[in-house]
């Protein structure tokens, strides 16, 4: 009898645990299905960029399935109802899927599992999207979830490395679904009510594997071996660019870790080994934020430390709009926002700078920025995005940036984009500004501004706020909130 493999955020064939188990259980008689769920599509949280990524990866997945003699069955509706209908149509004996740890997904999957078991059908879910599951790692003494990343990652390493040795192969052939089994066409963004203004990278399992191989190519000047330093330079291609692939699963996280672990067995300098170790730690952050949301689902709407929900935010709509559009007058912040608006992606160091500026310099609620990033990023992940914003706001407990650490956008710009290369790429108004003034162009003499055709306040905005003043204002607002008793 056939079985259903329910694809969600795992749009690949290689090292896909649910698919591998489904093939083994049914001698390849697998019905691959993806269900467009309006509860996700139209909740206002997921934007056009991530939806566009999903559509492109589904197209690539369908192509890859057809190479094996199969095809992707596409449905649109409430997942439980669609799976019930599909079971009736195919007489499938069960459903296989990989676990998702977000609150809505847990509720959805619990309902599916309950119905399948009550109907006497198989319900099999698998550990796949993270290296260490949220329930798999707790403090040794009290058996509580870790709040401090430093403590978490030490234990994480003990469990995660074993996962790199447990890859499963892609199927080599599948039994095609019945020709009469109906499937919707993969829709366009317009069909789903979205309009994309940004450009997306090449997507799909083959593209993801190519990105992984390029990042681990020792012949490249900015391979993983240089990651520890290069990851901090937004003008350089020093990151893996795999976040979009990990988000919707066109590559498995175990494949990523395996490449890193294998590389560590080769002769490496201390600097090179540090590059690989630092990249592995980024995979740990991904797992850490997943378990943080899993154990604290209220974080999706509230501060993990409730005292931070008592901050009196200014929430100026005009200033928020200026930040969104990259018109704050701070070049590094504006470059980051414009990169986001053009490419649906922003360099991680600049994400931190931009988030700190919005929350601390403008005193705008971190939830405003978190939602905007979710709507604009092609790698928008509720766990990592929320974790990053609460880190910047200082509101996520022991592993957050302390509230009194406030990024100076000028100092950050000088440190991480010393020659202004990144700034000039995304803020062309400043293309001819000398290095001496590129990080704070308002300090240019008026005659030079006129000569360069870059008059501050006319051709490029004056700073929205003085950073020194804004820093003191933020500290005062935070101190006042933290002195208040926490609300029940």
Protein backbone atom coordinates (compact mmCIF):
# COMPACT_ATOMS: atom_id res chain seq x y z
CA UNK A 1 0.00 0.00 0.00
CA UNK A 2 1.20 3.53 -0.66
CA UNK A 3 2.19 5.96 2.06
CA UNK A 4 2.14 9.73 2.02
CA UNK A 5 5.29 11.79 2.59
CA UNK A 6 4.17 15.23 3.73
CA UNK A 7 6.77 17.85 2.78
CA UNK A 8 6.79 21.11 4.73
CA UNK A 9 10.08 22.92 5.43
CA UNK A 10 12.23 20.08 4.07
CA UNK A 11 12.09 20.56 0.29
CA UNK A 12 14.79 18.13 -0.84
CA UNK A 13 15.38 14.42 -1.50
CA UNK A 14 18.81 13.76 0.04
CA UNK A 15 19.12 13.06 3.76
CA UNK A 16 15.37 13.40 4.22
CA UNK A 17 14.49 11.13 7.11
CA UNK A 18 10.73 11.00 6.59
CA UNK A 19 11.10 10.28 2.88
CA UNK A 20 13.75 7.63 3.50
CA UNK A 21 11.53 5.85 6.02
CA UNK A 22 8.48 6.16 3.75
CA UNK A 23 10.36 4.58 0.85
CA UNK A 24 11.56 1.71 3.04
CA UNK A 25 8.04 1.07 4.39
CA UNK A 26 6.32 1.06 1.00
CA UNK A 27 8.91 -0.27 -1.45
CA UNK A 28 9.00 3.18 -3.05
CA UNK A 29 5.25 3.60 -3.36
CA UNK A 30 5.34 7.09 -1.89
CA UNK A 31 2.95 9.94 -2.57
CA UNK A 32 4.89 13.21 -2.07
CA UNK A 33 2.55 16.04 -1.06
CA UNK A 34 2.82 19.71 -0.18
CA UNK A 35 -0.17 21.58 1.23
CA UNK A 36 -0.55 25.35 1.00
CA UNK A 37 -2.01 26.35 4.35
CA UNK A 38 -3.92 29.63 4.50
CA UNK A 39 -3.29 29.86 8.23
CA UNK A 40 0.38 30.40 7.35
CA UNK A 41 0.04 32.13 4.00
CA UNK A 42 -2.30 34.87 5.14
CA UNK A 43 -1.43 35.52 8.77
CA UNK A 44 0.47 38.69 7.82
CA UNK A 45 3.68 37.30 9.31
CA UNK A 46 5.12 35.55 6.25
CA UNK A 47 6.07 37.84 3.39
CA UNK A 48 6.49 37.64 -0.37
CA UNK A 49 10.21 36.81 -0.19
CA UNK A 50 9.87 33.63 1.85
CA UNK A 51 6.77 32.63 -0.12
CA UNK A 52 8.72 33.15 -3.34
CA UNK A 53 11.54 30.99 -1.97
CA UNK A 54 9.05 28.25 -1.15
CA UNK A 55 7.53 28.32 -4.64
CA UNK A 56 10.94 28.15 -6.31
CA UNK A 57 12.03 25.26 -4.11
CA UNK A 58 8.76 23.40 -4.75
CA UNK A 59 9.32 23.76 -8.49
CA UNK A 60 12.84 22.36 -8.10
CA UNK A 61 11.57 19.52 -5.87
CA UNK A 62 8.89 18.56 -8.39
CA UNK A 63 11.56 18.48 -11.11
CA UNK A 64 13.78 16.24 -9.00
CA UNK A 65 10.87 13.91 -8.16
CA UNK A 66 10.03 13.58 -11.85
CA UNK A 67 13.60 12.45 -12.50
CA UNK A 68 12.78 9.51 -10.21
CA UNK A 69 9.51 8.73 -11.97
CA UNK A 70 7.30 10.52 -9.45
CA UNK A 71 5.77 13.98 -9.08
CA UNK A 72 4.77 16.38 -6.32
CA UNK A 73 1.09 16.40 -5.39
CA UNK A 74 0.04 19.94 -4.49
CA UNK A 75 -3.04 20.74 -2.45
CA UNK A 76 -4.37 23.94 -0.87
CA UNK A 77 -6.46 24.03 2.29
CA UNK A 78 -6.59 23.04 5.92
CA UNK A 79 -3.84 20.37 6.28
CA UNK A 80 -5.84 17.81 8.25
CA UNK A 81 -8.78 17.97 5.83
CA UNK A 82 -6.48 17.75 2.80
CA UNK A 83 -4.61 14.76 4.22
CA UNK A 84 -7.89 13.03 5.06
CA UNK A 85 -9.04 13.53 1.47
CA UNK A 86 -5.73 12.30 0.09
CA UNK A 87 -5.85 9.16 2.23
CA UNK A 88 -9.35 8.40 0.93
CA UNK A 89 -8.28 8.97 -2.68
CA UNK A 90 -5.13 6.83 -2.49
CA UNK A 91 -5.94 4.27 0.22
CA UNK A 92 -2.63 5.25 1.80
CA UNK A 93 -1.71 3.30 4.92
CA UNK A 94 -0.14 6.27 6.70
CA UNK A 95 1.59 9.63 6.63
CA UNK A 96 5.29 10.36 7.21
CA UNK A 97 6.70 13.81 7.99
CA UNK A 98 9.61 15.62 9.62
CA UNK A 99 8.93 17.51 12.84
CA UNK A 100 8.46 21.26 13.15
CA UNK A 101 8.78 22.84 16.59
CA UNK A 102 6.81 26.07 16.24
CA UNK A 103 3.59 26.34 18.31
CA UNK A 104 1.21 26.33 15.34
CA UNK A 105 3.01 23.38 13.73
CA UNK A 106 2.89 21.36 16.95
CA UNK A 107 -0.86 21.92 17.27
CA UNK A 108 -1.43 21.08 13.58
CA UNK A 109 0.69 17.94 13.64
CA UNK A 110 -0.83 16.71 16.91
CA UNK A 111 -4.28 16.86 15.33
CA UNK A 112 -3.07 14.96 12.26
CA UNK A 113 -1.38 12.30 14.37
CA UNK A 114 -4.48 11.87 16.54
CA UNK A 115 -6.76 11.38 13.53
CA UNK A 116 -4.41 8.93 11.83
CA UNK A 117 -4.10 6.75 14.90
CA UNK A 118 -7.82 6.82 15.59
CA UNK A 119 -8.35 5.72 11.99
CA UNK A 120 -5.93 2.84 12.45
CA UNK A 121 -3.36 4.37 10.11
CA UNK A 122 0.37 4.94 10.52
CA UNK A 123 1.61 8.29 11.80
CA UNK A 124 5.38 8.67 11.76
CA UNK A 125 7.26 11.89 12.49
CA UNK A 126 11.03 12.27 12.43
CA UNK A 127 13.83 14.32 13.95
CA UNK A 128 15.24 16.08 10.90
CA UNK A 129 15.37 19.90 10.82
CA UNK A 130 17.68 20.44 13.80
CA UNK A 131 20.76 18.65 15.04
CA UNK A 132 19.55 18.40 18.63
CA UNK A 133 15.82 18.38 19.30
CA UNK A 134 14.40 20.86 21.83
CA UNK A 135 13.60 18.12 24.33
CA UNK A 136 16.96 16.48 23.79
CA UNK A 137 19.12 18.84 25.80
CA UNK A 138 18.46 20.06 29.34
CA UNK A 139 20.59 21.06 32.30
CA UNK A 140 22.17 18.10 34.04
CA UNK A 141 21.01 19.06 37.52
CA UNK A 142 17.49 20.43 37.29
CA UNK A 143 16.65 19.01 33.85
CA UNK A 144 15.50 22.42 32.65
CA UNK A 145 15.95 23.95 29.18
CA UNK A 146 19.14 25.96 28.76
CA UNK A 147 18.81 29.74 28.76
CA UNK A 148 22.53 30.55 28.47
CA UNK A 149 23.98 29.84 25.04
CA UNK A 150 27.51 29.27 26.32
CA UNK A 151 26.36 26.43 28.55
CA UNK A 152 24.03 25.10 25.88
CA UNK A 153 26.65 24.85 23.15
CA UNK A 154 29.04 22.83 25.30
CA UNK A 155 26.44 20.10 25.80
CA UNK A 156 25.13 20.55 22.24
CA UNK A 157 28.49 19.56 20.78
CA UNK A 158 28.37 16.23 22.61
CA UNK A 159 25.11 15.30 20.85
CA UNK A 160 25.23 17.16 17.55
CA UNK A 161 28.40 15.63 16.15
CA UNK A 162 26.86 12.15 16.19
CA UNK A 163 24.14 13.41 13.86
CA UNK A 164 26.71 14.13 11.14
CA UNK A 165 27.30 10.37 10.89
CA UNK A 166 23.62 9.52 10.37
CA UNK A 167 22.87 10.78 6.87
CA UNK A 168 20.41 8.79 4.78
CA UNK A 169 20.58 8.57 0.97
CA UNK A 170 18.11 10.03 -1.48
CA UNK A 171 15.85 7.49 -3.20
CA UNK A 172 17.00 6.32 -6.63
CA UNK A 173 13.52 5.48 -7.94
CA UNK A 174 9.93 6.02 -6.83
CA UNK A 175 6.65 4.42 -7.88
CA UNK A 176 4.66 7.14 -9.66
CA UNK A 177 1.38 8.23 -8.08
CA UNK A 178 -1.74 7.18 -9.93
CA UNK A 179 -2.11 9.27 -13.08
CA UNK A 180 -5.67 10.13 -12.05
CA UNK A 181 -4.56 11.57 -8.69
CA UNK A 182 -5.30 15.27 -8.90
CA UNK A 183 -2.75 17.94 -8.12
CA UNK A 184 -2.95 21.69 -8.28
CA UNK A 185 -0.28 23.47 -10.31
CA UNK A 186 2.41 25.14 -8.24
CA UNK A 187 0.96 28.66 -7.98
CA UNK A 188 2.63 31.94 -8.75
CA UNK A 189 3.13 34.62 -6.13
CA UNK A 190 0.32 36.60 -7.74
CA UNK A 191 -1.99 33.58 -7.43
CA UNK A 192 -1.36 33.65 -3.67
CA UNK A 193 -1.87 37.41 -3.40
CA UNK A 194 1.80 38.41 -3.10
CA UNK A 195 3.94 40.83 -5.06
CA UNK A 196 7.72 40.52 -4.83
CA UNK A 197 9.87 43.62 -5.27
CA UNK A 198 13.17 41.89 -4.46
CA UNK A 199 15.46 39.56 -6.37
CA UNK A 200 15.94 36.04 -5.04
CA UNK A 201 18.97 33.75 -5.37
CA UNK A 202 18.95 30.55 -7.41
CA UNK A 203 17.07 28.00 -5.33
CA UNK A 204 16.55 24.27 -5.00
CA UNK A 205 18.53 21.30 -3.77
CA UNK A 206 21.16 21.48 -6.54
CA UNK A 207 21.76 25.19 -5.89
CA UNK A 208 22.05 24.56 -2.14
CA UNK A 209 24.63 21.81 -2.67
CA UNK A 210 26.60 24.13 -4.94
CA UNK A 211 26.63 26.85 -2.28
CA UNK A 212 27.83 24.34 0.31
CA UNK A 213 30.60 23.09 -1.98
CA UNK A 214 31.75 26.61 -2.80
CA UNK A 215 31.90 27.58 0.85
CA UNK A 216 34.03 24.52 1.64
CA UNK A 217 36.30 24.91 -1.38
CA UNK A 218 39.73 25.49 0.13
CA UNK A 219 40.92 27.14 -3.10
CA UNK A 220 38.55 30.08 -2.53
CA UNK A 221 40.04 33.04 -0.71
CA UNK A 222 36.94 33.35 1.48
CA UNK A 223 36.05 29.75 2.25
CA UNK A 224 34.89 28.48 5.63
CA UNK A 225 38.55 28.51 6.69
CA UNK A 226 38.42 32.32 6.79
CA UNK A 227 34.94 32.50 8.29
CA UNK A 228 35.88 33.67 11.77
CA UNK A 229 37.10 37.02 10.42
CA UNK A 230 35.32 37.28 7.05
CA UNK A 231 31.84 36.84 8.53
CA UNK A 232 32.17 40.28 10.12
CA UNK A 233 32.82 42.12 6.84
CA UNK A 234 29.59 42.85 4.96
CA UNK A 235 31.44 43.98 1.83
CA UNK A 236 32.98 40.51 1.45
CA UNK A 237 31.36 37.23 0.38
CA UNK A 238 32.57 35.65 3.61
CA UNK A 239 29.42 33.79 4.68
CA UNK A 240 27.94 30.54 3.42
CA UNK A 241 24.66 32.06 2.12
CA UNK A 242 23.00 28.79 3.23
CA UNK A 243 20.47 30.34 5.60
CA UNK A 244 17.80 30.39 2.88
CA UNK A 245 18.46 26.72 2.10
CA UNK A 246 18.30 25.69 5.74
CA UNK A 247 15.10 27.70 6.23
CA UNK A 248 13.05 25.64 3.79
CA UNK A 249 15.23 22.56 3.90
CA UNK A 250 16.67 22.36 0.40
CA UNK A 251 19.75 21.15 2.26
CA UNK A 252 19.96 19.17 5.48
CA UNK A 253 21.68 20.60 8.51
CA UNK A 254 23.43 17.25 8.97
CA UNK A 255 25.03 17.58 5.54
CA UNK A 256 26.35 20.98 6.57
CA UNK A 257 27.79 19.69 9.83
CA UNK A 258 29.27 16.64 8.14
CA UNK A 259 31.28 18.80 5.74
CA UNK A 260 32.61 20.82 8.66
CA UNK A 261 33.47 17.77 10.77
CA UNK A 262 35.21 16.11 7.83
CA UNK A 263 37.27 19.25 7.21
CA UNK A 264 38.40 19.29 10.83
CA UNK A 265 40.11 15.91 10.27
CA UNK A 266 42.48 17.54 7.76
CA UNK A 267 45.68 19.41 8.66
CA UNK A 268 44.62 22.98 9.45
CA UNK A 269 46.21 26.03 10.98
CA UNK A 270 44.79 27.41 14.21
CA UNK A 271 43.15 30.24 12.26
CA UNK A 272 41.57 27.83 9.78
CA UNK A 273 40.32 25.54 12.53
CA UNK A 274 38.80 28.56 14.25
CA UNK A 275 36.94 29.43 11.06
CA UNK A 276 35.34 25.98 10.91
CA UNK A 277 34.56 25.92 14.64
CA UNK A 278 32.91 29.34 14.47
CA UNK A 279 30.70 28.23 11.58
CA UNK A 280 29.66 25.11 13.48
CA UNK A 281 28.70 27.37 16.38
CA UNK A 282 26.33 29.20 14.03
CA UNK A 283 24.53 25.90 13.50
CA UNK A 284 24.30 25.61 17.27
CA UNK A 285 22.70 29.07 17.51
CA UNK A 286 20.03 27.82 15.11
CA UNK A 287 19.22 24.87 17.36
CA UNK A 288 19.42 27.06 20.47
CA UNK A 289 16.83 29.54 19.22
CA UNK A 290 14.56 26.66 18.15
CA UNK A 291 14.59 25.16 21.64
CA UNK A 292 14.17 28.59 23.23
CA UNK A 293 10.90 29.21 21.33
CA UNK A 294 9.78 25.61 21.82
CA UNK A 295 10.00 25.92 25.61
CA UNK A 296 8.90 29.58 25.68
CA UNK A 297 6.31 29.99 22.90
CA UNK A 298 5.19 33.31 24.39
CA UNK A 299 8.44 34.74 23.00
CA UNK A 300 6.81 35.06 19.58
CA UNK A 301 4.75 37.95 20.96
CA UNK A 302 6.39 38.93 24.24
CA UNK A 303 9.81 39.51 25.74
CA UNK A 304 11.30 36.43 27.34
CA UNK A 305 12.18 38.65 30.29
CA UNK A 306 8.77 40.27 30.96
CA UNK A 307 10.33 43.38 32.52
CA UNK A 308 11.27 44.53 29.02
CA UNK A 309 7.62 44.68 28.03
CA UNK A 310 7.29 47.67 30.36
CA UNK A 311 9.63 49.86 28.31
CA UNK A 312 7.92 53.04 27.18
CA UNK A 313 8.65 52.88 23.45
CA UNK A 314 8.44 56.02 21.32
CA UNK A 315 7.25 54.08 18.23
CA UNK A 316 7.40 57.07 15.90
CA UNK A 317 5.82 55.92 12.57
CA UNK A 318 7.81 58.41 10.47
CA UNK A 319 11.11 57.29 11.98
CA UNK A 320 10.14 53.64 11.52
CA UNK A 321 9.39 54.32 7.86
CA UNK A 322 12.75 56.06 7.43
CA UNK A 323 14.47 53.02 8.96
CA UNK A 324 12.54 50.64 6.69
CA UNK A 325 13.54 52.54 3.57
CA UNK A 326 17.18 53.10 4.52
CA UNK A 327 16.83 56.84 5.05
CA UNK A 328 18.09 57.24 8.63
CA UNK A 329 21.19 59.27 7.75
CA UNK A 330 23.46 56.59 9.23
CA UNK A 331 25.15 54.99 6.19
CA UNK A 332 25.75 51.49 7.59
CA UNK A 333 22.14 51.22 8.77
CA UNK A 334 20.79 52.53 5.48
CA UNK A 335 23.00 50.20 3.44
CA UNK A 336 21.68 47.23 5.38
CA UNK A 337 18.04 48.18 4.97
CA UNK A 338 18.49 48.81 1.27
CA UNK A 339 20.26 45.48 0.85
CA UNK A 340 17.26 43.87 2.54
CA UNK A 341 14.77 45.69 0.35
CA UNK A 342 16.66 44.80 -2.83
CA UNK A 343 17.94 41.29 -2.15
CA UNK A 344 15.57 39.93 0.53
CA UNK A 345 18.69 39.29 2.62
CA UNK A 346 20.94 41.27 4.91
CA UNK A 347 24.41 40.50 6.22
CA UNK A 348 24.16 39.23 9.79
CA UNK A 349 26.52 41.80 11.33
CA UNK A 350 24.45 44.56 9.72
CA UNK A 351 21.24 42.92 10.98
CA UNK A 352 22.60 43.40 14.49
CA UNK A 353 23.61 47.01 13.83
CA UNK A 354 20.26 47.84 12.25
CA UNK A 355 18.28 46.14 15.00
CA UNK A 356 20.21 47.94 17.70
CA UNK A 357 19.65 51.25 15.95
CA UNK A 358 15.89 50.75 15.68
CA UNK A 359 15.46 49.59 19.26
CA UNK A 360 18.03 51.66 21.12
CA UNK A 361 18.54 54.81 19.02
CA UNK A 362 14.93 55.25 17.91
CA UNK A 363 13.28 53.51 20.87
CA UNK A 364 10.96 51.54 18.62
CA UNK A 365 9.54 48.27 19.90
CA UNK A 366 11.65 45.33 18.74
CA UNK A 367 8.46 43.58 17.56
CA UNK A 368 8.04 46.20 14.82
CA UNK A 369 11.47 45.38 13.41
CA UNK A 370 11.09 41.65 13.92
CA UNK A 371 7.88 41.65 11.88
CA UNK A 372 9.41 43.76 9.11
CA UNK A 373 12.34 41.38 8.80
CA UNK A 374 9.95 38.42 8.65
CA UNK A 375 8.09 40.07 5.80
CA UNK A 376 11.24 41.00 3.85
CA UNK A 377 13.81 38.25 4.41
CA UNK A 378 14.10 35.28 2.07
CA UNK A 379 15.52 33.28 5.01
CA UNK A 380 12.89 34.54 7.46
CA UNK A 381 12.78 32.05 10.31
CA UNK A 382 10.56 32.84 13.31
CA UNK A 383 12.98 31.27 15.79
CA UNK A 384 16.27 32.82 14.65
CA UNK A 385 14.66 36.14 13.71
CA UNK A 386 12.87 36.47 17.03
CA UNK A 387 15.98 35.37 18.91
CA UNK A 388 18.13 37.91 17.09
CA UNK A 389 15.76 40.78 17.78
CA UNK A 390 15.33 39.90 21.44
CA UNK A 391 19.12 39.57 21.69
CA UNK A 392 19.50 43.10 20.32
CA UNK A 393 16.79 44.43 22.62
CA UNK A 394 18.33 42.69 25.62
CA UNK A 395 14.99 41.07 26.40
CA UNK A 396 15.75 37.37 25.98
CA UNK A 397 17.49 36.73 29.26
CA UNK A 398 21.06 35.64 30.04
CA UNK A 399 22.24 35.21 26.44
CA UNK A 400 20.93 38.56 25.24
CA UNK A 401 23.07 41.62 24.70
CA UNK A 402 22.95 43.53 28.01
CA UNK A 403 20.57 46.47 27.75
CA UNK A 404 23.38 48.92 28.48
CA UNK A 405 25.45 47.66 25.51
CA UNK A 406 24.29 49.89 22.70
CA UNK A 407 25.93 49.63 19.29
CA UNK A 408 27.44 52.88 18.08
CA UNK A 409 26.56 52.79 14.36
CA UNK A 410 29.54 54.95 13.45
CA UNK A 411 32.07 52.83 15.33
CA UNK A 412 30.49 49.65 13.98
CA UNK A 413 30.68 51.03 10.46
CA UNK A 414 34.33 51.96 10.76
CA UNK A 415 35.21 48.55 12.20
CA UNK A 416 33.27 46.30 9.84
CA UNK A 417 33.24 48.34 6.60
CA UNK A 418 36.43 50.38 7.01
CA UNK A 419 36.67 51.56 3.40
CA UNK A 420 32.95 52.09 2.96
CA UNK A 421 32.74 49.49 0.18
CA UNK A 422 29.49 48.00 1.43
CA UNK A 423 27.99 51.44 2.04
CA UNK A 424 28.79 52.66 -1.47
CA UNK A 425 27.32 49.50 -2.99
CA UNK A 426 23.89 50.10 -1.50
CA UNK A 427 23.87 53.86 -0.88
CA UNK A 428 24.96 55.25 -4.26
CA UNK A 429 24.37 58.84 -3.11
CA UNK A 430 27.57 58.42 -1.10
CA UNK A 431 29.60 56.79 -3.88
CA UNK A 432 32.05 59.71 -4.21
CA UNK A 433 32.35 60.57 -0.53
CA UNK A 434 35.96 60.15 0.67
CA UNK A 435 36.73 57.39 3.17
CA UNK A 436 37.37 60.04 5.81
CA UNK A 437 33.69 61.02 5.80
CA UNK A 438 31.90 57.92 4.51
CA UNK A 439 30.78 56.74 7.96
CA UNK A 440 29.47 60.15 9.09
CA UNK A 441 28.93 62.21 5.94
CA UNK A 442 27.25 65.05 7.84
CA UNK A 443 30.71 66.05 9.06
CA UNK A 444 31.86 66.93 5.51
CA UNK A 445 32.51 70.63 4.96
CA UNK A 446 29.64 72.30 3.13
CA UNK A 447 31.90 73.21 0.21
CA UNK A 448 32.91 69.57 -0.24
CA UNK A 449 29.27 68.48 -0.08
CA UNK A 450 28.45 70.92 -2.87
CA UNK A 451 31.46 69.85 -4.91
CA UNK A 452 30.55 66.14 -4.64
CA UNK A 453 26.85 66.71 -5.31
CA UNK A 454 26.01 65.10 -1.99
CA UNK A 455 24.46 67.79 0.16
CA UNK A 456 23.30 66.39 3.48
CA UNK A 457 19.62 67.02 3.94
CA UNK A 458 19.09 67.28 0.18
CA UNK A 459 20.86 64.38 -1.56
CA UNK A 460 21.23 62.18 1.52
CA UNK A 461 19.32 62.56 4.78
CA UNK A 462 20.74 64.18 7.88
CA UNK A 463 20.87 61.80 10.86
CA UNK A 464 17.45 61.11 12.33
CA UNK A 465 18.89 61.42 15.80
CA UNK A 466 22.20 62.18 17.51
CA UNK A 467 23.57 58.84 18.70
CA UNK A 468 24.98 60.21 21.95
CA UNK A 469 21.63 61.75 22.89
CA UNK A 470 19.73 58.63 21.78
CA UNK A 471 21.97 56.38 23.84
CA UNK A 472 21.27 58.28 27.05
CA UNK A 473 17.55 58.35 26.24
CA UNK A 474 17.49 54.59 25.73
CA UNK A 475 19.41 53.90 28.93
CA UNK A 476 16.96 56.04 30.89
CA UNK A 477 13.94 54.27 29.37
CA UNK A 478 15.42 50.84 30.07
CA UNK A 479 16.43 51.68 33.63
CA UNK A 480 12.96 53.00 34.41
CA UNK A 481 11.30 49.87 33.04
CA UNK A 482 13.66 47.51 34.85
CA UNK A 483 13.03 49.25 38.17
CA UNK A 484 9.32 48.51 37.92
CA UNK A 485 7.93 45.29 39.44
CA UNK A 486 7.22 42.74 36.72
CA UNK A 487 3.57 42.47 35.74
CA UNK A 488 1.89 39.16 36.42
